[in-house]
N, C-alpha and C. Protein backbone atom coordinates (compact mmCIF):
# COMPACT_ATOMS: atom_id res chain seq x y z
N UNK A 1 17.99 -2.84 2.87
CA UNK A 1 19.39 -2.88 3.90
C UNK A 1 20.34 -3.44 3.17
N UNK A 2 21.30 -3.33 3.39
CA UNK A 2 22.48 -3.92 2.96
C UNK A 2 22.58 -5.54 3.45
N UNK A 3 23.17 -6.56 2.27
CA UNK A 3 23.18 -8.10 2.93
C UNK A 3 24.40 -7.82 4.08
N UNK A 4 24.40 -8.77 4.94
CA UNK A 4 25.26 -8.94 6.07
C UNK A 4 26.07 -10.47 5.89
N UNK A 5 27.15 -10.43 5.51
CA UNK A 5 27.89 -11.80 5.42
C UNK A 5 26.99 -13.13 4.93
N UNK A 6 26.45 -12.52 3.49
CA UNK A 6 25.75 -13.72 2.98
C UNK A 6 24.21 -14.00 3.34
N UNK A 7 23.73 -13.20 4.27
CA UNK A 7 22.69 -13.39 4.94
C UNK A 7 21.75 -11.68 4.45
N UNK A 8 20.77 -11.85 3.86
CA UNK A 8 19.99 -10.55 3.70
C UNK A 8 19.29 -10.36 4.98
N UNK A 9 19.43 -9.21 5.29
CA UNK A 9 18.67 -8.53 6.51
C UNK A 9 17.46 -8.16 5.77
N UNK A 10 15.97 -8.49 6.56
CA UNK A 10 14.56 -7.86 6.18
C UNK A 10 14.18 -7.03 7.03
N UNK A 11 13.70 -5.80 6.34
CA UNK A 11 12.96 -4.75 6.85
C UNK A 11 11.73 -5.12 6.41
N UNK A 12 11.06 -5.64 7.58
CA UNK A 12 9.66 -6.23 7.43
C UNK A 12 8.43 -5.02 7.20
N UNK A 13 8.55 -3.67 7.58
CA UNK A 13 8.00 -2.49 7.45
C UNK A 13 8.00 -2.14 5.99
N UNK A 14 9.09 -2.21 5.42
CA UNK A 14 9.65 -2.09 3.93
C UNK A 14 8.76 -2.93 3.09
N UNK A 15 8.97 -4.07 3.60
CA UNK A 15 8.05 -5.35 2.71
C UNK A 15 6.70 -4.69 2.89
N UNK A 16 6.23 -4.64 3.88
CA UNK A 16 4.45 -4.66 3.90
C UNK A 16 4.10 -3.13 3.00
N UNK A 17 5.06 -2.00 3.01
CA UNK A 17 4.72 -1.01 2.44
C UNK A 17 4.93 -1.10 0.78
N UNK A 18 5.84 -2.33 0.20
CA UNK A 18 6.13 -2.51 -1.25
C UNK A 18 4.86 -3.44 -1.40
N UNK A 19 4.43 -4.18 -0.37
CA UNK A 19 2.90 -5.12 -0.80
C UNK A 19 1.82 -4.34 -1.00
N UNK A 20 1.81 -3.19 -0.24
CA UNK A 20 0.47 -2.42 -0.24
C UNK A 20 0.75 -1.41 -1.74
N UNK A 21 2.13 -0.85 -2.10
CA UNK A 21 2.10 -0.36 -3.26
C UNK A 21 1.58 -1.13 -4.41
N UNK A 22 2.16 -2.40 -4.29
CA UNK A 22 1.89 -3.34 -5.62
C UNK A 22 0.11 -3.39 -5.45
N UNK A 23 -0.31 -3.33 -4.35
CA UNK A 23 -1.95 -3.76 -4.34
C UNK A 23 -2.39 -2.42 -5.17
N UNK A 24 -2.01 -1.41 -4.55
CA UNK A 24 -2.62 -0.13 -5.44
C UNK A 24 -2.40 0.19 -6.64
N UNK A 25 -1.30 -0.06 -7.21
CA UNK A 25 -0.81 -0.29 -8.84
C UNK A 25 -1.60 -1.12 -9.25
N UNK A 26 -2.26 -2.60 -8.98
CA UNK A 26 -2.91 -3.62 -9.63
C UNK A 26 -4.21 -3.01 -9.27
N UNK A 27 -4.96 -2.14 -8.35
CA UNK A 27 -6.31 -1.98 -8.12
C UNK A 27 -6.48 -0.25 -9.19
N UNK A 28 -5.05 0.21 -9.37
CA UNK A 28 -5.49 1.58 -10.28
C UNK A 28 -5.27 1.19 -11.73
N UNK A 29 -4.82 -0.01 -12.03
CA UNK A 29 -4.56 -0.31 -13.52
C UNK A 29 -5.74 -1.22 -13.76
N UNK A 30 -6.54 -1.72 -13.07
CA UNK A 30 -7.81 -2.34 -13.24
C UNK A 30 -9.09 -1.55 -13.18
N UNK A 31 -8.80 -0.40 -12.81
CA UNK A 31 -9.90 0.60 -12.76
C UNK A 31 -10.31 1.27 -13.98
N UNK A 32 -11.40 1.59 -14.28
CA UNK A 32 -11.83 2.03 -15.39
C UNK A 32 -11.47 4.01 -15.25
N UNK A 33 -11.68 4.35 -14.18
CA UNK A 33 -11.66 5.52 -13.96
C UNK A 33 -10.55 5.81 -12.58
N UNK A 34 -10.22 6.79 -12.13
CA UNK A 34 -9.61 7.26 -11.11
C UNK A 34 -10.17 6.51 -9.84
N UNK A 35 -9.59 6.21 -9.19
CA UNK A 35 -9.79 5.73 -7.89
C UNK A 35 -10.25 6.47 -6.79
N UNK A 36 -11.32 6.48 -6.13
CA UNK A 36 -11.81 7.39 -5.18
C UNK A 36 -10.95 7.03 -4.13
N UNK A 37 -11.10 8.01 -2.91
CA UNK A 37 -10.41 7.69 -1.74
C UNK A 37 -10.78 6.69 -1.17
N UNK A 38 -12.27 6.33 -1.13
CA UNK A 38 -12.71 5.36 -0.65
C UNK A 38 -12.42 4.00 -1.03
N UNK A 39 -12.06 3.90 -2.44
CA UNK A 39 -11.48 2.93 -3.17
C UNK A 39 -10.08 2.58 -2.41
N UNK A 40 -9.05 3.59 -2.60
CA UNK A 40 -7.94 3.35 -1.98
C UNK A 40 -7.88 3.09 -0.55
N UNK A 41 -8.57 3.62 0.21
CA UNK A 41 -8.66 3.15 1.50
C UNK A 41 -8.99 1.77 1.82
N UNK A 42 -9.78 0.95 0.93
CA UNK A 42 -10.14 -0.29 0.70
C UNK A 42 -9.03 -1.31 0.53
N UNK A 43 -8.25 -0.77 -0.93
CA UNK A 43 -7.17 -1.25 -1.19
C UNK A 43 -6.17 -1.37 -0.01
N UNK A 44 -5.94 -0.49 0.53
CA UNK A 44 -4.78 -0.19 1.37
C UNK A 44 -5.15 -0.84 2.81
N UNK A 45 -6.59 -0.96 3.06
CA UNK A 45 -6.95 -1.90 4.63
C UNK A 45 -6.87 -0.41 5.54
N UNK A 46 -7.15 0.45 5.22
CA UNK A 46 -7.54 1.71 6.19
C UNK A 46 -8.85 1.76 6.80
N UNK A 47 -8.79 1.57 8.00
CA UNK A 47 -10.06 1.32 8.79
C UNK A 47 -10.80 2.73 9.22
N UNK A 48 -9.97 4.21 9.12
CA UNK A 48 -10.55 5.22 9.59
C UNK A 48 -11.59 5.99 8.87
N UNK A 49 -12.53 6.63 9.54
CA UNK A 49 -13.72 7.39 8.85
C UNK A 49 -12.74 8.55 8.33
N UNK A 50 -13.26 8.92 7.14
CA UNK A 50 -12.81 10.46 7.07
C UNK A 50 -13.54 11.58 7.43
N UNK A 51 -13.06 12.51 7.98
CA UNK A 51 -14.16 13.60 8.54
C UNK A 51 -13.68 14.67 7.22
N UNK A 52 -14.81 14.80 6.27
CA UNK A 52 -14.81 15.40 5.50
C UNK A 52 -15.15 17.06 5.61
N UNK A 53 -15.92 17.18 6.97
CA UNK A 53 -16.49 18.74 7.27
C UNK A 53 -15.47 19.31 7.95
N UNK A 54 -14.22 18.50 8.57
CA UNK A 54 -13.41 19.67 9.30
C UNK A 54 -12.52 18.67 10.50
């Protein structure tokens, strides 16, 4: 968002998304192979179970 009269307006959702993207980039760069879906969920702190069957 654009600064307002010398004070920056913070978008907390955008900042959280940027932090999660950074965490994912760090995990991917440290991994020897591609990250599994489970690894990505762990990095992004996703707590839902994936239903593979449908």
